[in-house]
Amino acid sequence: MSPPRVLYIDDDPGIARLVQKTLEANGYDVALAESGSSGLAMLRTQTFDIVALDHHMPGHTGLDVMKDIRELPEHPPVIYVTGSEDSRIAVAALKMGAVDYVWKDVQGHFRELLAKAVSTALEQDALRRAKKEADREVRLARDRAELLLKEVNHRVANSLAIVAGLVGLQKTAIQDEAAQRLLEQMRARILAIAGVHRRLYTSDDVRTVDIKEYLGSLVDDLKIAMADEGRTHPIHLECVPLSLPTDKAVSVGIVATELVTNAFKYAYPNHQGDIRVEVMRNDDTCILMVEDDGIGYNAQAAAAGTGLGSKVISSMTTRLQGTLSYRPTAKGTRAVLEFPC
């Protein structure tokens, strides 16, 4: 492996030659520049691992040169060398980006100190480059994982859509109305889950789901499904800006599906009337409300269906660590799901 290359910029050729000998004795390949402009020209055309830069030069200072060095793409680290005892010069060099500074004493001891500073700076630069490369590999790995996860969600959404389609076909193939209703409910639940995976596929953040977009798509699916049964209730959705983790979004979607489906089926015997879906947030509590102006909810009445829907709602509410209640309203039914965001 070739030795590290050092560029030493100093307008005093005698001192520069001594520095060159000292650094070469420590295993470095050293090139000399007698001015800042010649040093910059060498940096533009050659590759150096590190630069040692003197402060006093004709017409300008090392600080002026270092500013130009810092503007070069992929510039090497700079060690500042100064014979001035004014500490403000060293501080200014460090603020401009120098990795170290060495005080140039008249006895020449600084040359060994410079060799040690070069060694330390190269080690630190190697660590910095290694960390930068490691960070790049982590970003690439994360991007690949996110792309793969999006593809998985895309495939899952497509597969669930196929399953929902098969359930729909099975529904049309049987004559029993009760069985048809059960299959339609199952199809709606499958589509609710598929909707989450569709959102994850198109989202920049695969960890969360935009609830407003998700519920909007879900409501559209429910309208189409119920229109096939001759029910065309308007559904009004209001939702605050809210993103939820995937698991919570699935549970919220299934609960919303069950509550809206119940309103479609039972709230309006004449098949006319509005259904309102609203999502709110109160500090750390999220609230889903589904409301209608129909015949009202009677907790004492016998279940109109199989009772599976109520079990599904109860299960999803438990998963959300939330509570579901039916609130008093002038007319109709108001179901309120509260859970920690």
C-alpha atoms as a PDB file:
ATOM      1  CA  MET A   1       0.000   0.000   0.000  1.00  0.00           C
ATOM      2  CA  SER A   2       1.391   3.409  -0.980  1.00  0.00           C
ATOM      3  CA  PRO A   3       2.214   5.824   1.868  1.00  0.00           C
ATOM      4  CA  PRO A   4      -0.201   8.676   2.702  1.00  0.00           C
ATOM      5  CA  ARG A   5       0.402  11.790   0.611  1.00  0.00           C
ATOM      6  CA  VAL A   6       0.981  15.082   2.425  1.00  0.00           C
ATOM      7  CA  LEU A   7       1.023  18.537   0.852  1.00  0.00           C
ATOM      8  CA  TYR A   8       3.002  21.085   2.854  1.00  0.00           C
ATOM      9  CA  ILE A   9       2.440  24.733   1.862  1.00  0.00           C
ATOM     10  CA  ASP A  10       5.105  27.182   3.106  1.00  0.00           C
ATOM     11  CA  ASP A  11       6.839  30.099   1.392  1.00  0.00           C
ATOM     12  CA  ASP A  12      10.136  29.391   3.242  1.00  0.00           C
ATOM     13  CA  PRO A  13      11.881  26.696   1.123  1.00  0.00           C
ATOM     14  CA  GLY A  14      14.440  25.905   3.841  1.00  0.00           C
ATOM     15  CA  ILE A  15      11.864  25.150   6.521  1.00  0.00           C
ATOM     16  CA  ALA A  16       9.697  23.351   3.969  1.00  0.00           C
ATOM     17  CA  ARG A  17      12.583  21.039   3.079  1.00  0.00           C
ATOM     18  CA  LEU A  18      13.217  20.220   6.745  1.00  0.00           C
ATOM     19  CA  VAL A  19       9.545  19.472   7.272  1.00  0.00           C
ATOM     20  CA  GLN A  20       9.604  17.242   4.198  1.00  0.00           C
ATOM     21  CA  LYS A  21      12.541  15.217   5.549  1.00  0.00           C
ATOM     22  CA  THR A  22      10.893  14.808   8.961  1.00  0.00           C
ATOM     23  CA  LEU A  23       7.585  13.652   7.507  1.00  0.00           C
ATOM     24  CA  GLU A  24       9.250  11.317   5.010  1.00  0.00           C
ATOM     25  CA  ALA A  25      11.216   9.772   7.884  1.00  0.00           C
ATOM     26  CA  ASN A  26       7.825   9.016   9.453  1.00  0.00           C
ATOM     27  CA  GLY A  27       6.651   7.184   6.348  1.00  0.00           C
ATOM     28  CA  TYR A  28       4.808   9.893   4.407  1.00  0.00           C
ATOM     29  CA  ASP A  29       5.032  10.908   0.755  1.00  0.00           C
ATOM     30  CA  VAL A  30       5.470  14.697   0.917  1.00  0.00           C
ATOM     31  CA  ALA A  31       5.017  17.311  -1.801  1.00  0.00           C
ATOM     32  CA  LEU A  32       5.912  20.987  -1.303  1.00  0.00           C
ATOM     33  CA  ALA A  33       4.196  24.176  -2.469  1.00  0.00           C
ATOM     34  CA  GLU A  34       5.819  27.617  -2.041  1.00  0.00           C
ATOM     35  CA  SER A  35       2.594  29.600  -2.186  1.00  0.00           C
ATOM     36  CA  GLY A  36      -1.088  29.276  -1.590  1.00  0.00           C
ATOM     37  CA  SER A  37      -1.912  29.553  -5.298  1.00  0.00           C
ATOM     38  CA  SER A  38       0.532  26.801  -6.271  1.00  0.00           C
ATOM     39  CA  GLY A  39      -0.783  24.621  -3.442  1.00  0.00           C
ATOM     40  CA  LEU A  40      -4.374  25.105  -4.660  1.00  0.00           C
ATOM     41  CA  ALA A  41      -3.299  24.246  -8.204  1.00  0.00           C
ATOM     42  CA  MET A  42      -1.723  20.994  -6.955  1.00  0.00           C
ATOM     43  CA  LEU A  43      -4.852  20.148  -4.971  1.00  0.00           C
ATOM     44  CA  ARG A  44      -6.991  20.578  -8.078  1.00  0.00           C
ATOM     45  CA  THR A  45      -4.888  18.196 -10.162  1.00  0.00           C
ATOM     46  CA  GLN A  46      -3.509  15.699  -7.627  1.00  0.00           C
ATOM     47  CA  THR A  47      -4.812  13.640  -4.739  1.00  0.00           C
ATOM     48  CA  PHE A  48      -3.524  14.286  -1.228  1.00  0.00           C
ATOM     49  CA  ASP A  49      -4.570  12.673   2.030  1.00  0.00           C
ATOM     50  CA  ILE A  50      -3.821  15.742   4.150  1.00  0.00           C
ATOM     51  CA  VAL A  51      -2.581  19.331   3.904  1.00  0.00           C
ATOM     52  CA  ALA A  52      -0.274  21.196   6.310  1.00  0.00           C
ATOM     53  CA  LEU A  53      -0.595  24.934   5.774  1.00  0.00           C
ATOM     54  CA  ASP A  54       1.648  27.757   7.047  1.00  0.00           C
ATOM     55  CA  HIS A  55       0.057  30.989   8.222  1.00  0.00           C
ATOM     56  CA  HIS A  56       2.458  33.683   6.959  1.00  0.00           C
ATOM     57  CA  MET A  57       2.749  33.936   3.175  1.00  0.00           C
ATOM     58  CA  PRO A  58       3.366  36.897   0.835  1.00  0.00           C
ATOM     59  CA  GLY A  59       0.217  38.748  -0.120  1.00  0.00           C
ATOM     60  CA  HIS A  60      -2.159  36.656   1.986  1.00  0.00           C
ATOM     61  CA  THR A  61      -2.410  34.369   4.993  1.00  0.00           C
ATOM     62  CA  GLY A  62      -3.017  30.695   5.372  1.00  0.00           C
ATOM     63  CA  LEU A  63      -6.563  31.534   6.454  1.00  0.00           C
ATOM     64  CA  ASP A  64      -7.262  32.916   2.973  1.00  0.00           C
ATOM     65  CA  VAL A  65      -5.862  29.760   1.391  1.00  0.00           C
ATOM     66  CA  MET A  66      -7.787  27.485   3.732  1.00  0.00           C
ATOM     67  CA  LYS A  67     -11.049  29.149   2.728  1.00  0.00           C
ATOM     68  CA  ASP A  68     -10.298  28.244  -0.905  1.00  0.00           C
ATOM     69  CA  ILE A  69      -9.299  24.707   0.081  1.00  0.00           C
ATOM     70  CA  ARG A  70     -12.588  24.204   1.922  1.00  0.00           C
ATOM     71  CA  GLU A  71     -14.477  25.092  -1.258  1.00  0.00           C
ATOM     72  CA  LEU A  72     -12.845  22.248  -3.181  1.00  0.00           C
ATOM     73  CA  PRO A  73     -14.965  19.097  -3.591  1.00  0.00           C
ATOM     74  CA  GLU A  74     -13.812  16.262  -1.343  1.00  0.00           C
ATOM     75  CA  HIS A  75     -11.058  18.417   0.117  1.00  0.00           C
ATOM     76  CA  PRO A  76      -8.520  16.750   2.447  1.00  0.00           C
ATOM     77  CA  PRO A  77      -8.216  17.658   6.126  1.00  0.00           C
ATOM     78  CA  VAL A  78      -6.033  20.671   6.927  1.00  0.00           C
ATOM     79  CA  ILE A  79      -3.506  21.137   9.761  1.00  0.00           C
ATOM     80  CA  TYR A  80      -2.697  24.779  10.409  1.00  0.00           C
ATOM     81  CA  VAL A  81       0.912  25.752  11.150  1.00  0.00           C
ATOM     82  CA  THR A  82       1.602  29.167  12.656  1.00  0.00           C
ATOM     83  CA  GLY A  83       4.621  30.889  14.169  1.00  0.00           C
ATOM     84  CA  SER A  84       2.434  33.547  15.754  1.00  0.00           C
ATOM     85  CA  GLU A  85       1.786  33.335  19.464  1.00  0.00           C
ATOM     86  CA  ASP A  86      -1.555  35.025  18.958  1.00  0.00           C
ATOM     87  CA  SER A  87      -4.021  32.320  19.953  1.00  0.00           C
ATOM     88  CA  ARG A  88      -6.763  34.062  17.974  1.00  0.00           C
ATOM     89  CA  ILE A  89      -5.139  32.856  14.745  1.00  0.00           C
ATOM     90  CA  ALA A  90      -5.302  29.226  15.861  1.00  0.00           C
ATOM     91  CA  VAL A  91      -8.899  29.674  17.007  1.00  0.00           C
ATOM     92  CA  ALA A  92      -9.819  31.265  13.668  1.00  0.00           C
ATOM     93  CA  ALA A  93      -8.220  28.351  11.791  1.00  0.00           C
ATOM     94  CA  LEU A  94     -10.124  25.784  13.853  1.00  0.00           C
ATOM     95  CA  LYS A  95     -13.383  27.663  13.295  1.00  0.00           C
ATOM     96  CA  MET A  96     -12.754  27.594   9.555  1.00  0.00           C
ATOM     97  CA  GLY A  97     -12.434  23.823   9.656  1.00  0.00           C
ATOM     98  CA  ALA A  98      -8.798  22.983  10.426  1.00  0.00           C
ATOM     99  CA  VAL A  99      -8.563  19.610  12.164  1.00  0.00           C
ATOM    100  CA  ASP A 100      -5.557  20.674  14.249  1.00  0.00           C
ATOM    101  CA  TYR A 101      -2.895  23.366  14.578  1.00  0.00           C
ATOM    102  CA  VAL A 102       0.831  23.297  15.360  1.00  0.00           C
ATOM    103  CA  TRP A 103       2.863  26.190  16.736  1.00  0.00           C
ATOM    104  CA  LYS A 104       6.037  26.696  14.677  1.00  0.00           C
ATOM    105  CA  ASP A 105       8.857  27.262  17.183  1.00  0.00           C
ATOM    106  CA  VAL A 106      12.300  28.588  16.135  1.00  0.00           C
ATOM    107  CA  GLN A 107      14.074  25.493  17.478  1.00  0.00           C
ATOM    108  CA  GLY A 108      12.242  23.288  15.004  1.00  0.00           C
ATOM    109  CA  HIS A 109      10.548  20.986  17.513  1.00  0.00           C
ATOM    110  CA  PHE A 110       7.284  21.623  15.699  1.00  0.00           C
ATOM    111  CA  ARG A 111       8.320  19.240  12.927  1.00  0.00           C
ATOM    112  CA  GLU A 112       7.914  16.166  15.156  1.00  0.00           C
ATOM    113  CA  LEU A 113       4.703  17.615  16.566  1.00  0.00           C
ATOM    114  CA  LEU A 114       3.486  18.090  13.018  1.00  0.00           C
ATOM    115  CA  ALA A 115       4.278  14.438  12.223  1.00  0.00           C
ATOM    116  CA  LYS A 116       2.190  13.343  15.218  1.00  0.00           C
ATOM    117  CA  ALA A 117      -0.623  15.732  14.255  1.00  0.00           C
ATOM    118  CA  VAL A 118      -0.628  14.305  10.715  1.00  0.00           C
ATOM    119  CA  SER A 119      -0.824  10.747  12.083  1.00  0.00           C
ATOM    120  CA  THR A 120      -3.723  11.620  14.397  1.00  0.00           C
ATOM    121  CA  ALA A 121      -5.586  13.563  11.709  1.00  0.00           C
ATOM    122  CA  LEU A 122      -5.276  10.712   9.215  1.00  0.00           C
ATOM    123  CA  GLU A 123      -6.633   8.240  11.767  1.00  0.00           C
ATOM    124  CA  GLN A 124      -9.580  10.537  12.499  1.00  0.00           C
ATOM    125  CA  ASP A 125     -10.221  11.052   8.793  1.00  0.00           C
ATOM    126  CA  ALA A 126     -10.168   7.297   8.228  1.00  0.00           C
ATOM    127  CA  LEU A 127     -12.746   6.868  10.988  1.00  0.00           C
ATOM    128  CA  ARG A 128     -14.870   9.650   9.514  1.00  0.00           C
ATOM    129  CA  ARG A 129     -14.769   8.064   6.071  1.00  0.00           C
ATOM    130  CA  ALA A 130     -15.574   4.646   7.514  1.00  0.00           C
ATOM    131  CA  LYS A 131     -18.554   6.091   9.383  1.00  0.00           C
ATOM    132  CA  LYS A 132     -19.721   7.900   6.249  1.00  0.00           C
ATOM    133  CA  GLU A 133     -19.518   4.674   4.252  1.00  0.00           C
ATOM    134  CA  ALA A 134     -21.288   2.739   7.007  1.00  0.00           C
ATOM    135  CA  ASP A 135     -24.051   5.366   7.089  1.00  0.00           C
ATOM    136  CA  ARG A 136     -24.377   5.122   3.303  1.00  0.00           C
ATOM    137  CA  GLU A 137     -24.686   1.343   3.476  1.00  0.00           C
ATOM    138  CA  VAL A 138     -27.291   1.645   6.235  1.00  0.00           C
ATOM    139  CA  ARG A 139     -29.300   4.088   4.098  1.00  0.00           C
ATOM    140  CA  LEU A 140     -29.071   1.775   1.105  1.00  0.00           C
ATOM    141  CA  ALA A 141     -30.138  -1.204   3.215  1.00  0.00           C
ATOM    142  CA  ARG A 142     -33.048   0.791   4.658  1.00  0.00           C
ATOM    143  CA  ASP A 143     -34.131   1.941   1.188  1.00  0.00           C
ATOM    144  CA  ARG A 144     -33.987  -1.648  -0.090  1.00  0.00           C
ATOM    145  CA  ALA A 145     -35.993  -2.870   2.911  1.00  0.00           C
ATOM    146  CA  GLU A 146     -38.633  -0.159   2.445  1.00  0.00           C
ATOM    147  CA  LEU A 147     -38.882  -0.928  -1.264  1.00  0.00           C
ATOM    148  CA  LEU A 148     -39.262  -4.629  -0.493  1.00  0.00           C
ATOM    149  CA  LEU A 149     -41.877  -3.896   2.165  1.00  0.00           C
ATOM    150  CA  LYS A 150     -43.823  -1.739  -0.271  1.00  0.00           C
ATOM    151  CA  GLU A 151     -43.741  -4.549  -2.802  1.00  0.00           C
ATOM    152  CA  VAL A 152     -44.968  -6.985  -0.149  1.00  0.00           C
ATOM    153  CA  ASN A 153     -47.845  -4.649   0.731  1.00  0.00           C
ATOM    154  CA  HIS A 154     -48.676  -4.307  -2.964  1.00  0.00           C
ATOM    155  CA  ARG A 155     -48.823  -8.068  -3.390  1.00  0.00           C
ATOM    156  CA  VAL A 156     -50.851  -8.529  -0.187  1.00  0.00           C
ATOM    157  CA  ALA A 157     -53.341  -5.857  -1.291  1.00  0.00           C
ATOM    158  CA  ASN A 158     -53.715  -7.537  -4.670  1.00  0.00           C
ATOM    159  CA  SER A 159     -54.124 -10.966  -3.087  1.00  0.00           C
ATOM    160  CA  LEU A 160     -56.778  -9.709  -0.676  1.00  0.00           C
ATOM    161  CA  ALA A 161     -58.590  -7.995  -3.546  1.00  0.00           C
ATOM    162  CA  ILE A 162     -58.633 -11.338  -5.374  1.00  0.00           C
ATOM    163  CA  VAL A 163     -59.997 -13.058  -2.260  1.00  0.00           C
ATOM    164  CA  ALA A 164     -62.678 -10.360  -1.928  1.00  0.00           C
ATOM    165  CA  GLY A 165     -63.572 -10.886  -5.575  1.00  0.00           C
ATOM    166  CA  LEU A 166     -63.880 -14.637  -5.051  1.00  0.00           C
ATOM    167  CA  VAL A 167     -66.160 -14.036  -2.057  1.00  0.00           C
ATOM    168  CA  GLY A 168     -68.270 -11.752  -4.250  1.00  0.00           C
ATOM    169  CA  LEU A 169     -68.527 -14.441  -6.903  1.00  0.00           C
ATOM    170  CA  GLN A 170     -69.533 -16.994  -4.291  1.00  0.00           C
ATOM    171  CA  LYS A 171     -72.199 -14.607  -3.056  1.00  0.00           C
ATOM    172  CA  THR A 172     -73.794 -14.407  -6.512  1.00  0.00           C
ATOM    173  CA  ALA A 173     -73.658 -18.184  -6.880  1.00  0.00           C
ATOM    174  CA  ILE A 174     -75.924 -18.916  -3.918  1.00  0.00           C
ATOM    175  CA  GLN A 175     -79.606 -18.182  -3.404  1.00  0.00           C
ATOM    176  CA  ASP A 176     -79.830 -18.004   0.395  1.00  0.00           C
ATOM    177  CA  GLU A 177     -80.199 -14.323   1.345  1.00  0.00           C
ATOM    178  CA  ALA A 178     -78.766 -14.796   4.840  1.00  0.00           C
ATOM    179  CA  ALA A 179     -75.683 -16.464   3.410  1.00  0.00           C
ATOM    180  CA  GLN A 180     -75.369 -13.672   0.859  1.00  0.00           C
ATOM    181  CA  ARG A 181     -75.414 -11.061   3.613  1.00  0.00           C
ATOM    182  CA  LEU A 182     -72.741 -12.935   5.553  1.00  0.00           C
ATOM    183  CA  LEU A 183     -70.519 -13.184   2.501  1.00  0.00           C
ATOM    184  CA  GLU A 184     -70.978  -9.483   1.763  1.00  0.00           C
ATOM    185  CA  GLN A 185     -69.969  -8.632   5.314  1.00  0.00           C
ATOM    186  CA  MET A 186     -66.906 -10.831   4.985  1.00  0.00           C
ATOM    187  CA  ARG A 187     -66.038  -9.181   1.678  1.00  0.00           C
ATOM    188  CA  ALA A 188     -66.248  -5.726   3.297  1.00  0.00           C
ATOM    189  CA  ARG A 189     -63.899  -6.822   6.092  1.00  0.00           C
ATOM    190  CA  ILE A 190     -61.377  -8.177   3.619  1.00  0.00           C
ATOM    191  CA  LEU A 191     -61.481  -4.939   1.633  1.00  0.00           C
ATOM    192  CA  ALA A 192     -60.940  -2.937   4.833  1.00  0.00           C
ATOM    193  CA  ILE A 193     -57.689  -4.797   5.453  1.00  0.00           C
ATOM    194  CA  ALA A 194     -56.665  -4.617   1.794  1.00  0.00           C
ATOM    195  CA  GLY A 195     -57.151  -0.848   1.910  1.00  0.00           C
ATOM    196  CA  VAL A 196     -54.469  -0.512   4.563  1.00  0.00           C
ATOM    197  CA  HIS A 197     -51.972  -2.388   2.419  1.00  0.00           C
ATOM    198  CA  ARG A 198     -52.843  -0.219  -0.573  1.00  0.00           C
ATOM    199  CA  ARG A 199     -52.103   2.866   1.517  1.00  0.00           C
ATOM    200  CA  LEU A 200     -48.794   1.411   2.683  1.00  0.00           C
ATOM    201  CA  TYR A 201     -47.796   0.633  -0.891  1.00  0.00           C
ATOM    202  CA  THR A 202     -48.247   4.260  -1.995  1.00  0.00           C
ATOM    203  CA  SER A 203     -47.047   5.912   1.228  1.00  0.00           C
ATOM    204  CA  ASP A 204     -43.594   7.406   1.786  1.00  0.00           C
ATOM    205  CA  ASP A 205     -43.694   6.028   5.333  1.00  0.00           C
ATOM    206  CA  VAL A 206     -44.588   2.339   5.427  1.00  0.00           C
ATOM    207  CA  ARG A 207     -44.918   2.402   9.209  1.00  0.00           C
ATOM    208  CA  THR A 208     -48.048   4.579   9.317  1.00  0.00           C
ATOM    209  CA  VAL A 209     -51.302   5.113   7.445  1.00  0.00           C
ATOM    210  CA  ASP A 210     -53.004   8.423   6.650  1.00  0.00           C
ATOM    211  CA  ILE A 211     -56.410   7.829   8.232  1.00  0.00           C
ATOM    212  CA  LYS A 212     -58.292  10.426   6.184  1.00  0.00           C
ATOM    213  CA  GLU A 213     -57.174   8.930   2.873  1.00  0.00           C
ATOM    214  CA  TYR A 214     -57.698   5.391   4.125  1.00  0.00           C
ATOM    215  CA  LEU A 215     -61.220   5.956   5.451  1.00  0.00           C
ATOM    216  CA  GLY A 216     -62.114   7.944   2.316  1.00  0.00           C
ATOM    217  CA  SER A 217     -61.194   4.953   0.168  1.00  0.00           C
ATOM    218  CA  LEU A 218     -62.963   2.605   2.561  1.00  0.00           C
ATOM    219  CA  VAL A 219     -66.157   4.664   2.460  1.00  0.00           C
ATOM    220  CA  ASP A 220     -66.088   4.608  -1.343  1.00  0.00           C
ATOM    221  CA  ASP A 221     -65.794   0.806  -1.312  1.00  0.00           C
ATOM    222  CA  LEU A 222     -68.721   0.534   1.101  1.00  0.00           C
ATOM    223  CA  LYS A 223     -70.881   2.821  -1.059  1.00  0.00           C
ATOM    224  CA  ILE A 224     -70.254   0.627  -4.087  1.00  0.00           C
ATOM    225  CA  ALA A 225     -70.969  -2.559  -2.147  1.00  0.00           C
ATOM    226  CA  MET A 226     -74.204  -1.225  -0.672  1.00  0.00           C
ATOM    227  CA  ALA A 227     -75.327   0.291  -3.986  1.00  0.00           C
ATOM    228  CA  ASP A 228     -75.296  -3.248  -5.366  1.00  0.00           C
ATOM    229  CA  GLU A 229     -77.928  -4.030  -2.738  1.00  0.00           C
ATOM    230  CA  GLY A 230     -80.036  -1.008  -3.667  1.00  0.00           C
ATOM    231  CA  ARG A 231     -78.901   1.186  -0.743  1.00  0.00           C
ATOM    232  CA  THR A 232     -77.509   4.613  -1.627  1.00  0.00           C
ATOM    233  CA  HIS A 233     -77.137   6.478   1.652  1.00  0.00           C
ATOM    234  CA  PRO A 234     -74.857   9.541   1.471  1.00  0.00           C
ATOM    235  CA  ILE A 235     -71.811   9.102   3.713  1.00  0.00           C
ATOM    236  CA  HIS A 236     -70.100  12.260   4.995  1.00  0.00           C
ATOM    237  CA  LEU A 237     -66.521  11.910   6.231  1.00  0.00           C
ATOM    238  CA  GLU A 238     -64.727  14.462   8.387  1.00  0.00           C
ATOM    239  CA  CYS A 239     -61.237  13.673   9.645  1.00  0.00           C
ATOM    240  CA  VAL A 240     -58.510  15.695  11.312  1.00  0.00           C
ATOM    241  CA  PRO A 241     -54.953  15.201   9.992  1.00  0.00           C
ATOM    242  CA  LEU A 242     -53.952  11.923  11.586  1.00  0.00           C
ATOM    243  CA  SER A 243     -51.534   9.086  10.888  1.00  0.00           C
ATOM    244  CA  LEU A 244     -51.703   5.829  12.809  1.00  0.00           C
ATOM    245  CA  PRO A 245     -49.459   2.765  12.999  1.00  0.00           C
ATOM    246  CA  THR A 246     -50.472   0.026  10.598  1.00  0.00           C
ATOM    247  CA  ASP A 247     -51.978  -2.319  13.193  1.00  0.00           C
ATOM    248  CA  LYS A 248     -54.138   0.429  14.664  1.00  0.00           C
ATOM    249  CA  ALA A 249     -55.262   1.570  11.219  1.00  0.00           C
ATOM    250  CA  VAL A 250     -56.440  -1.963  10.386  1.00  0.00           C
ATOM    251  CA  SER A 251     -58.490  -2.152  13.589  1.00  0.00           C
ATOM    252  CA  VAL A 252     -59.987   1.320  13.075  1.00  0.00           C
ATOM    253  CA  GLY A 253     -60.883   0.437   9.485  1.00  0.00           C
ATOM    254  CA  ILE A 254     -62.625  -2.781  10.484  1.00  0.00           C
ATOM    255  CA  VAL A 255     -64.613  -1.039  13.257  1.00  0.00           C
ATOM    256  CA  ALA A 256     -65.612   1.749  10.842  1.00  0.00           C
ATOM    257  CA  THR A 257     -66.661  -0.859   8.288  1.00  0.00           C
ATOM    258  CA  GLU A 258     -68.867  -2.680  10.810  1.00  0.00           C
ATOM    259  CA  LEU A 259     -70.492   0.486  12.158  1.00  0.00           C
ATOM    260  CA  VAL A 260     -71.170   1.977   8.727  1.00  0.00           C
ATOM    261  CA  THR A 261     -72.489  -1.362   7.481  1.00  0.00           C
ATOM    262  CA  ASN A 262     -74.825  -1.537  10.494  1.00  0.00           C
ATOM    263  CA  ALA A 263     -76.119   1.955   9.699  1.00  0.00           C
ATOM    264  CA  PHE A 264     -76.670   0.958   6.068  1.00  0.00           C
ATOM    265  CA  LYS A 265     -78.578  -2.171   7.036  1.00  0.00           C
ATOM    266  CA  TYR A 266     -80.579  -1.174  10.105  1.00  0.00           C
ATOM    267  CA  ALA A 267     -80.789   2.611  10.601  1.00  0.00           C
ATOM    268  CA  TYR A 268     -83.200   3.448   7.794  1.00  0.00           C
ATOM    269  CA  PRO A 269     -86.013   0.981   7.027  1.00  0.00           C
ATOM    270  CA  ASN A 270     -86.951   3.113   4.018  1.00  0.00           C
ATOM    271  CA  HIS A 271     -83.331   3.001   2.784  1.00  0.00           C
ATOM    272  CA  GLN A 272     -82.980   6.810   2.864  1.00  0.00           C
ATOM    273  CA  GLY A 273     -80.866   8.939   5.186  1.00  0.00           C
ATOM    274  CA  ASP A 274     -77.371  10.256   5.819  1.00  0.00           C
ATOM    275  CA  ILE A 275     -74.510   8.518   7.603  1.00  0.00           C
ATOM    276  CA  ARG A 276     -71.723  10.592   9.155  1.00  0.00           C
ATOM    277  CA  VAL A 277     -68.211   9.398   9.948  1.00  0.00           C
ATOM    278  CA  GLU A 278     -65.920  11.678  11.946  1.00  0.00           C
ATOM    279  CA  VAL A 279     -62.410  11.235  13.314  1.00  0.00           C
ATOM    280  CA  MET A 280     -61.206  13.621  16.012  1.00  0.00           C
ATOM    281  CA  ARG A 281     -58.288  13.895  18.374  1.00  0.00           C
ATOM    282  CA  ASN A 282     -58.290  15.062  21.975  1.00  0.00           C
ATOM    283  CA  ASP A 283     -54.694  15.235  23.232  1.00  0.00           C
ATOM    284  CA  ASP A 284     -53.520  11.607  23.275  1.00  0.00           C
ATOM    285  CA  THR A 285     -56.967  10.141  22.578  1.00  0.00           C
ATOM    286  CA  CYS A 286     -58.320   9.415  19.108  1.00  0.00           C
ATOM    287  CA  ILE A 287     -62.067   9.330  18.552  1.00  0.00           C
ATOM    288  CA  LEU A 288     -64.001   7.625  15.751  1.00  0.00           C
ATOM    289  CA  MET A 289     -67.694   8.507  15.589  1.00  0.00           C
ATOM    290  CA  VAL A 290     -70.279   6.964  13.268  1.00  0.00           C
ATOM    291  CA  GLU A 291     -73.710   8.612  13.406  1.00  0.00           C
ATOM    292  CA  ASP A 292     -77.053   8.373  11.641  1.00  0.00           C
ATOM    293  CA  ASP A 293     -80.533   9.888  11.984  1.00  0.00           C
ATOM    294  CA  GLY A 294     -82.395   6.600  11.781  1.00  0.00           C
ATOM    295  CA  ILE A 295     -84.567   4.589  14.118  1.00  0.00           C
ATOM    296  CA  GLY A 296     -82.032   4.587  16.947  1.00  0.00           C
ATOM    297  CA  TYR A 297     -80.017   1.972  18.804  1.00  0.00           C
ATOM    298  CA  ASN A 298     -81.758  -0.319  21.273  1.00  0.00           C
ATOM    299  CA  ALA A 299     -79.277  -2.181  23.442  1.00  0.00           C
ATOM    300  CA  GLN A 300     -82.056  -4.411  24.810  1.00  0.00           C
ATOM    301  CA  ALA A 301     -83.310  -5.550  21.412  1.00  0.00           C
ATOM    302  CA  ALA A 302     -82.352  -8.931  20.025  1.00  0.00           C
ATOM    303  CA  ALA A 303     -79.536  -8.916  17.524  1.00  0.00           C
ATOM    304  CA  ALA A 304     -80.816  -8.458  13.993  1.00  0.00           C
ATOM    305  CA  GLY A 305     -78.053 -10.590  12.501  1.00  0.00           C
ATOM    306  CA  THR A 306     -75.761 -13.346  13.662  1.00  0.00           C
ATOM    307  CA  GLY A 307     -73.992 -11.187  16.234  1.00  0.00           C
ATOM    308  CA  LEU A 308     -70.642 -11.747  14.501  1.00  0.00           C
ATOM    309  CA  GLY A 309     -70.325  -8.041  13.726  1.00  0.00           C
ATOM    310  CA  SER A 310     -70.578  -7.140  17.409  1.00  0.00           C
ATOM    311  CA  LYS A 311     -67.905  -9.705  18.241  1.00  0.00           C
ATOM    312  CA  VAL A 312     -65.609  -8.281  15.548  1.00  0.00           C
ATOM    313  CA  ILE A 313     -66.103  -4.737  16.877  1.00  0.00           C
ATOM    314  CA  SER A 314     -65.421  -5.895  20.439  1.00  0.00           C
ATOM    315  CA  SER A 315     -62.267  -7.722  19.350  1.00  0.00           C
ATOM    316  CA  MET A 316     -60.899  -4.717  17.403  1.00  0.00           C
ATOM    317  CA  THR A 317     -61.750  -2.359  20.275  1.00  0.00           C
ATOM    318  CA  THR A 318     -59.772  -4.566  22.640  1.00  0.00           C
ATOM    319  CA  ARG A 319     -56.824  -4.582  20.231  1.00  0.00           C
ATOM    320  CA  LEU A 320     -56.905  -0.791  20.234  1.00  0.00           C
ATOM    321  CA  GLN A 321     -57.102  -0.754  24.067  1.00  0.00           C
ATOM    322  CA  GLY A 322     -60.126   1.457  23.588  1.00  0.00           C
ATOM    323  CA  THR A 323     -63.787   1.714  24.520  1.00  0.00           C
ATOM    324  CA  LEU A 324     -66.920   1.753  22.387  1.00  0.00           C
ATOM    325  CA  SER A 325     -70.089   3.446  23.567  1.00  0.00           C
ATOM    326  CA  TYR A 326     -73.426   4.512  22.157  1.00  0.00           C
ATOM    327  CA  ARG A 327     -74.108   8.146  23.085  1.00  0.00           C
ATOM    328  CA  PRO A 328     -77.493   9.849  23.500  1.00  0.00           C
ATOM    329  CA  THR A 329     -78.656  11.778  20.442  1.00  0.00           C
ATOM    330  CA  ALA A 330     -81.885  13.547  19.446  1.00  0.00           C
ATOM    331  CA  LYS A 331     -82.582  10.831  16.917  1.00  0.00           C
ATOM    332  CA  GLY A 332     -80.716   7.979  15.362  1.00  0.00           C
ATOM    333  CA  THR A 333     -77.563   6.292  16.633  1.00  0.00           C
ATOM    334  CA  ARG A 334     -74.170   7.703  17.591  1.00  0.00           C
ATOM    335  CA  ALA A 335     -71.424   5.114  18.118  1.00  0.00           C
ATOM    336  CA  VAL A 336     -68.172   6.449  19.588  1.00  0.00           C
ATOM    337  CA  LEU A 337     -64.873   4.571  19.654  1.00  0.00           C
ATOM    338  CA  GLU A 338     -62.135   6.094  21.820  1.00  0.00           C
ATOM    339  CA  PHE A 339     -58.570   4.766  21.933  1.00  0.00           C
ATOM    340  CA  PRO A 340     -55.052   6.018  22.699  1.00  0.00           C
ATOM    341  CA  CYS A 341     -53.319   7.468  19.636  1.00  0.00           C
END
